[in-house]
Amino acid sequence: MQATRRLIVAALVLAVPFACSRGEAVPGAETSDGAVAGFAMDEAQASRAPVAEMGRVMSQQAPSAPPGGQTSDSALTSRLAGTMLIRNGDVGIRVDSLEPAMDAVRAVAARHGGIIGNIMIAGGEQQVRSATMEMRVPAARFDSAMGGLGPIGRVEHSSTMAEDVGEEYTDRQARVANSRRLEARLVALLATRTGKLEDVLAVERELARVRGEIEQHEGRLRYLASRVATSTINVRLSEREPLVSEPGKSVLGEAFLAAWRNFVGLVAWAIASLGFLVPLLVVVLLMIWFARRRRA
């Protein structure tokens, strides 16, 4: 009986490694490598979801495919890269009153499907009140929003800046694709790895590093896509200078005072110049007197 039991135990010991190498489950035993591999595959599928959603949004913004043909992934990427422009605007407007002008800017943003971000108001004693408002609108309505700011007041300056990020976007997409292929190879290697625990941990560390790079590139892609889809317009509103600078003093009174000061300054300059003109006149008269004596 003891010999029979020993044979049965030895057979079970030999059967466990053979079953694990074939990927089959053994009753009463847990396959840790298979569980880790399954968890890795689930994480890989979950991490691909944001990129798939971003690709769907960007595909809607891209031009439609020509009739009778299908657009490949490379052609779609090239077309998206060609239109990856971040457009920003800066407008300065002189207005009569600050509060109604700010309400008008909010109305322009709402009419074009945008929002108002940062707002800064400056003012004080003997200082012209001004406000800086950050308006964000969809990129497709950027030109219309810039034109809608004109009726608010007198436009003093207006500028538009564009930054092409198509090259960076394409480069990031290529890096994500390469990292995805490396991730798939590491997942497959982890699923079939039956060596030492140190080797398994080394593969998991490399997999974590690759996934970190993928998340970094995808985050930058999402940021570029959001910046391209939304344009920023900085609107600076400033009130007109008041006609009365100080209580009890008008602009006309200050103008007359400045004219009197200029007149006094002119008289003072004329008096000061006599110190140069009188000696010069004396020298000229002496030269004329000597010339007449020689002729006589």
Protein backbone atom coordinates (compact mmCIF):
# COMPACT_ATOMS: atom_id res chain seq x y z
CA MET A 1 0.00 0.00 0.00
CA GLN A 2 2.76 2.44 0.87
CA ALA A 3 4.52 1.71 -2.40
CA THR A 4 1.29 2.33 -4.32
CA ARG A 5 0.75 5.68 -2.57
CA ARG A 6 4.31 6.73 -3.37
CA LEU A 7 3.75 5.95 -7.05
CA ILE A 8 0.52 8.02 -7.12
CA VAL A 9 2.20 11.05 -5.48
CA ALA A 10 5.14 10.85 -7.89
CA ALA A 11 2.77 10.74 -10.86
CA LEU A 12 0.90 13.83 -9.63
CA VAL A 13 4.17 15.73 -9.12
CA LEU A 14 5.26 14.95 -12.67
CA ALA A 15 1.86 15.81 -14.13
CA VAL A 16 1.64 19.34 -12.67
CA PRO A 17 4.60 20.90 -14.62
CA PHE A 18 3.48 19.14 -17.81
CA ALA A 19 -0.05 20.54 -17.50
CA CYS A 20 1.21 24.05 -16.72
CA SER A 21 3.51 24.00 -19.77
CA ARG A 22 0.49 23.17 -21.97
CA GLY A 23 -1.62 25.95 -20.37
CA GLU A 24 -4.18 23.48 -18.88
CA ALA A 25 -5.65 23.96 -15.42
CA VAL A 26 -4.88 21.37 -12.78
CA PRO A 27 -7.59 20.59 -10.28
CA GLY A 28 -6.83 22.23 -6.94
CA ALA A 29 -4.03 24.44 -8.38
CA GLU A 30 -4.07 28.16 -9.47
CA THR A 31 -2.33 29.32 -12.66
CA SER A 32 -0.77 32.59 -11.58
CA ASP A 33 0.89 33.33 -14.95
CA GLY A 34 -2.41 32.87 -16.79
CA ALA A 35 -4.20 35.18 -14.35
CA VAL A 36 -1.50 37.85 -14.75
CA ALA A 37 -1.68 37.52 -18.54
CA GLY A 38 -5.46 37.84 -18.52
CA PHE A 39 -5.28 40.91 -16.32
CA ALA A 40 -2.67 42.41 -18.67
CA MET A 41 -4.90 41.84 -21.69
CA ASP A 42 -7.85 43.48 -19.91
CA GLU A 43 -5.72 46.53 -19.10
CA ALA A 44 -4.51 46.72 -22.70
CA GLN A 45 -8.08 46.75 -24.02
CA ALA A 46 -9.14 49.38 -21.45
CA SER A 47 -6.23 51.68 -22.29
CA ARG A 48 -7.10 51.62 -26.00
CA ALA A 49 -10.59 53.02 -25.37
CA PRO A 50 -9.61 56.75 -25.07
CA VAL A 51 -7.61 56.63 -28.32
CA ALA A 52 -10.46 54.94 -30.17
CA GLU A 53 -12.88 57.62 -28.95
CA MET A 54 -10.46 60.40 -29.94
CA GLY A 55 -10.04 58.86 -33.39
CA ARG A 56 -13.81 58.81 -33.81
CA VAL A 57 -14.08 62.51 -32.93
CA MET A 58 -11.23 63.50 -35.21
CA SER A 59 -12.70 61.42 -38.04
CA GLN A 60 -15.90 63.46 -37.78
CA GLN A 61 -13.90 66.68 -38.12
CA ALA A 62 -11.90 65.36 -41.09
CA PRO A 63 -13.05 65.93 -44.68
CA SER A 64 -15.25 63.19 -46.12
CA ALA A 65 -13.80 60.55 -48.40
CA PRO A 66 -14.12 61.05 -52.16
CA PRO A 67 -17.13 59.38 -53.82
CA GLY A 68 -16.59 55.82 -54.95
CA GLY A 69 -13.51 55.24 -52.81
CA GLN A 70 -12.52 54.42 -49.27
CA THR A 71 -10.03 56.42 -47.21
CA SER A 72 -7.22 54.39 -45.67
CA ASP A 73 -5.80 55.03 -42.21
CA SER A 74 -2.61 56.57 -43.59
CA ALA A 75 -4.56 58.91 -45.89
CA LEU A 76 -6.84 59.92 -43.02
CA THR A 77 -3.81 60.62 -40.81
CA SER A 78 -2.22 62.73 -43.53
CA ARG A 79 -5.40 64.75 -44.01
CA LEU A 80 -5.77 65.33 -40.27
CA ALA A 81 -2.12 66.34 -39.97
CA GLY A 82 -2.59 68.87 -42.75
CA THR A 83 -5.38 70.65 -40.86
CA MET A 84 -3.91 70.56 -37.33
CA LEU A 85 -3.79 74.31 -36.72
CA ILE A 86 -4.11 75.97 -33.33
CA ARG A 87 -5.57 79.46 -33.95
CA ASN A 88 -5.55 82.19 -31.32
CA GLY A 89 -6.71 85.79 -31.54
CA ASP A 90 -6.08 89.02 -29.67
CA VAL A 91 -8.43 92.01 -29.90
CA GLY A 92 -8.31 95.42 -28.21
CA ILE A 93 -11.55 97.45 -28.09
CA ARG A 94 -12.20 100.98 -26.78
CA VAL A 95 -15.68 101.25 -25.26
CA ASP A 96 -17.76 103.91 -23.52
CA SER A 97 -18.77 101.75 -20.55
CA LEU A 98 -17.07 98.59 -19.32
CA GLU A 99 -19.97 96.51 -17.92
CA PRO A 100 -22.23 96.62 -21.01
CA ALA A 101 -19.24 95.77 -23.20
CA MET A 102 -18.43 92.73 -21.05
CA ASP A 103 -22.02 91.55 -21.38
CA ALA A 104 -21.74 91.99 -25.15
CA VAL A 105 -18.61 89.82 -25.23
CA ARG A 106 -20.42 87.11 -23.26
CA ALA A 107 -23.28 87.29 -25.76
CA VAL A 108 -20.86 86.85 -28.69
CA ALA A 109 -19.33 83.79 -27.00
CA ALA A 110 -22.73 82.24 -26.33
CA ARG A 111 -23.93 82.94 -29.88
CA HIS A 112 -20.94 81.06 -31.32
CA GLY A 113 -21.12 78.11 -28.94
CA GLY A 114 -18.19 79.22 -26.80
CA ILE A 115 -17.47 80.06 -23.18
CA ILE A 116 -15.75 82.82 -21.20
CA GLY A 117 -12.73 81.67 -19.21
CA ASN A 118 -10.43 83.97 -17.26
CA ILE A 119 -11.57 87.54 -16.55
CA MET A 120 -9.35 90.31 -15.14
CA ILE A 121 -10.59 93.83 -14.35
CA ALA A 122 -8.24 96.72 -13.58
CA GLY A 123 -9.09 100.24 -12.42
CA GLY A 124 -8.46 102.84 -9.77
CA GLU A 125 -8.24 106.55 -9.03
CA GLN A 126 -7.12 108.60 -12.04
CA GLN A 127 -6.80 105.35 -14.04
CA VAL A 128 -8.75 104.18 -17.08
CA ARG A 129 -10.79 101.08 -16.27
CA SER A 130 -10.09 98.01 -18.39
CA ALA A 131 -10.97 94.32 -18.51
CA THR A 132 -9.33 91.30 -20.16
CA MET A 133 -11.61 88.40 -21.06
CA GLU A 134 -10.58 84.98 -22.42
CA MET A 135 -13.13 83.65 -24.88
CA ARG A 136 -12.99 80.07 -26.19
CA VAL A 137 -15.01 79.14 -29.25
CA PRO A 138 -15.06 76.17 -31.66
CA ALA A 139 -12.32 76.46 -34.27
CA ALA A 140 -14.86 76.40 -37.11
CA ARG A 141 -16.46 79.62 -35.75
CA PHE A 142 -13.23 81.48 -35.00
CA ASP A 143 -13.49 83.97 -37.89
CA SER A 144 -17.16 84.61 -37.20
CA ALA A 145 -16.46 85.28 -33.52
CA MET A 146 -13.63 87.68 -34.38
CA GLY A 147 -15.97 89.59 -36.68
CA GLY A 148 -18.72 89.66 -34.05
CA LEU A 149 -16.52 91.66 -31.67
CA GLY A 150 -16.35 94.69 -34.00
CA PRO A 151 -19.74 96.24 -33.16
CA ILE A 152 -18.96 96.31 -29.42
CA GLY A 153 -16.76 99.39 -29.72
CA ARG A 154 -13.84 100.92 -31.60
CA VAL A 155 -11.33 98.17 -32.44
CA GLU A 156 -7.83 99.49 -31.72
CA HIS A 157 -5.90 96.35 -32.64
CA SER A 158 -6.68 92.84 -33.86
CA SER A 159 -4.27 89.98 -34.52
CA THR A 160 -4.55 86.27 -35.35
CA MET A 161 -1.88 83.67 -34.64
CA ALA A 162 -1.77 80.09 -35.99
CA GLU A 163 0.46 77.21 -34.87
CA ASP A 164 0.80 74.08 -37.01
CA VAL A 165 1.01 70.94 -34.84
CA GLY A 166 0.37 68.40 -37.60
CA GLU A 167 3.95 67.12 -37.61
CA GLU A 168 3.98 66.54 -33.85
CA TYR A 169 0.55 64.87 -34.01
CA THR A 170 1.69 62.42 -36.72
CA ASP A 171 4.93 61.68 -34.85
CA ARG A 172 3.04 60.95 -31.62
CA GLN A 173 0.65 58.64 -33.45
CA ALA A 174 3.58 56.68 -34.90
CA ARG A 175 5.14 56.34 -31.45
CA VAL A 176 1.85 55.09 -30.00
CA ALA A 177 1.57 52.48 -32.78
CA ASN A 178 5.11 51.23 -32.17
CA SER A 179 4.55 51.09 -28.42
CA ARG A 180 1.29 49.17 -29.00
CA ARG A 181 3.14 46.50 -30.98
CA LEU A 182 5.78 46.21 -28.27
CA GLU A 183 3.04 46.00 -25.65
CA ALA A 184 1.38 43.12 -27.52
CA ARG A 185 4.66 41.20 -27.71
CA LEU A 186 5.29 41.72 -24.00
CA VAL A 187 1.78 40.54 -23.12
CA ALA A 188 2.25 37.43 -25.25
CA LEU A 189 5.64 36.79 -23.66
CA LEU A 190 4.16 37.21 -20.18
CA ALA A 191 1.36 34.75 -21.01
CA THR A 192 3.84 32.01 -22.03
CA ARG A 193 6.57 32.78 -19.50
CA THR A 194 7.25 29.81 -17.21
CA GLY A 195 10.76 30.67 -16.06
CA LYS A 196 11.99 32.20 -12.85
CA LEU A 197 10.03 34.77 -10.90
CA GLU A 198 12.74 37.39 -11.55
CA ASP A 199 12.27 37.01 -15.31
CA VAL A 200 8.49 37.40 -14.99
CA LEU A 201 8.92 40.56 -12.86
CA ALA A 202 11.38 41.99 -15.40
CA VAL A 203 8.82 41.52 -18.19
CA GLU A 204 6.12 43.16 -16.05
CA ARG A 205 8.37 46.15 -15.34
CA GLU A 206 9.09 46.60 -19.04
CA LEU A 207 5.37 46.31 -19.79
CA ALA A 208 4.61 48.99 -17.20
CA ARG A 209 7.24 51.29 -18.74
CA VAL A 210 5.82 50.85 -22.24
CA ARG A 211 2.28 51.52 -21.03
CA GLY A 212 3.50 54.66 -19.28
CA GLU A 213 4.94 55.93 -22.57
CA ILE A 214 1.68 55.12 -24.34
CA GLU A 215 -0.34 57.06 -21.77
CA GLN A 216 2.02 60.02 -22.07
CA HIS A 217 1.76 60.13 -25.87
CA GLU A 218 -2.02 59.65 -25.80
CA GLY A 219 -2.37 62.47 -23.27
CA ARG A 220 -0.42 64.79 -25.57
CA LEU A 221 -2.57 63.69 -28.54
CA ARG A 222 -5.76 64.46 -26.62
CA TYR A 223 -4.37 67.87 -25.64
CA LEU A 224 -3.44 68.73 -29.24
CA ALA A 225 -6.84 67.56 -30.48
CA SER A 226 -8.65 69.73 -27.92
CA ARG A 227 -6.50 72.77 -28.75
CA VAL A 228 -7.13 72.33 -32.46
CA ALA A 229 -10.88 71.92 -31.93
CA THR A 230 -11.11 75.06 -29.72
CA SER A 231 -9.69 78.51 -30.44
CA THR A 232 -8.87 81.15 -27.82
CA ILE A 233 -9.57 84.87 -28.27
CA ASN A 234 -8.19 87.34 -25.72
CA VAL A 235 -10.41 90.44 -25.65
CA ARG A 236 -9.15 93.58 -23.93
CA LEU A 237 -11.79 96.20 -23.20
CA SER A 238 -10.81 99.71 -22.06
CA GLU A 239 -12.98 102.74 -21.37
CA ARG A 240 -12.39 106.10 -22.99
CA GLU A 241 -10.36 108.67 -21.09
CA PRO A 242 -12.62 110.97 -19.03
CA LEU A 243 -13.15 114.58 -20.10
CA VAL A 244 -12.54 115.75 -16.54
CA SER A 245 -9.20 114.63 -15.15
CA GLU A 246 -9.68 115.96 -11.63
CA PRO A 247 -12.67 117.35 -9.73
CA GLY A 248 -13.03 121.08 -10.51
CA LYS A 249 -10.62 121.05 -13.47
CA SER A 250 -11.64 120.66 -17.08
CA VAL A 251 -9.64 119.63 -20.10
CA LEU A 252 -10.09 123.10 -21.69
CA GLY A 253 -8.74 124.84 -18.60
CA GLU A 254 -5.69 122.60 -18.61
CA ALA A 255 -5.21 123.33 -22.34
CA PHE A 256 -5.21 127.14 -21.75
CA LEU A 257 -2.81 126.70 -18.87
CA ALA A 258 -0.48 124.65 -21.08
CA ALA A 259 -0.62 127.38 -23.79
CA TRP A 260 0.32 130.08 -21.27
CA ARG A 261 3.23 127.99 -20.06
CA ASN A 262 4.43 127.55 -23.63
CA PHE A 263 4.23 131.34 -24.24
CA VAL A 264 6.24 132.07 -21.10
CA GLY A 265 8.77 129.49 -22.15
CA LEU A 266 9.11 131.13 -25.58
CA VAL A 267 9.73 134.57 -24.03
CA ALA A 268 12.30 133.10 -21.67
CA TRP A 269 14.07 131.47 -24.59
CA ALA A 270 14.13 134.77 -26.50
CA ILE A 271 15.66 136.59 -23.54
CA ALA A 272 18.22 133.87 -23.05
CA SER A 273 19.19 134.00 -26.72
CA LEU A 274 20.07 137.73 -26.46
CA GLY A 275 23.27 136.76 -24.67
CA PHE A 276 24.39 135.21 -27.96
CA LEU A 277 22.75 137.54 -30.52
CA VAL A 278 23.95 140.91 -29.05
CA PRO A 279 27.71 140.14 -29.16
CA LEU A 280 27.29 138.70 -32.66
CA LEU A 281 25.47 141.87 -33.81
CA VAL A 282 28.24 144.08 -32.36
CA VAL A 283 30.91 142.14 -34.25
CA VAL A 284 28.99 142.44 -37.53
CA LEU A 285 28.55 146.22 -37.09
CA LEU A 286 32.29 146.69 -36.39
CA MET A 287 33.21 144.76 -39.52
CA ILE A 288 30.87 146.93 -41.63
CA TRP A 289 32.38 150.15 -40.10
CA PHE A 290 36.00 149.08 -40.90
CA ALA A 291 35.02 148.14 -44.43
CA ARG A 292 33.51 151.59 -45.10
CA ARG A 293 36.58 153.41 -43.70
CA ARG A 294 38.89 151.58 -46.09
CA ARG A 295 36.80 152.51 -49.06
CA ALA A 296 36.82 156.17 -47.99
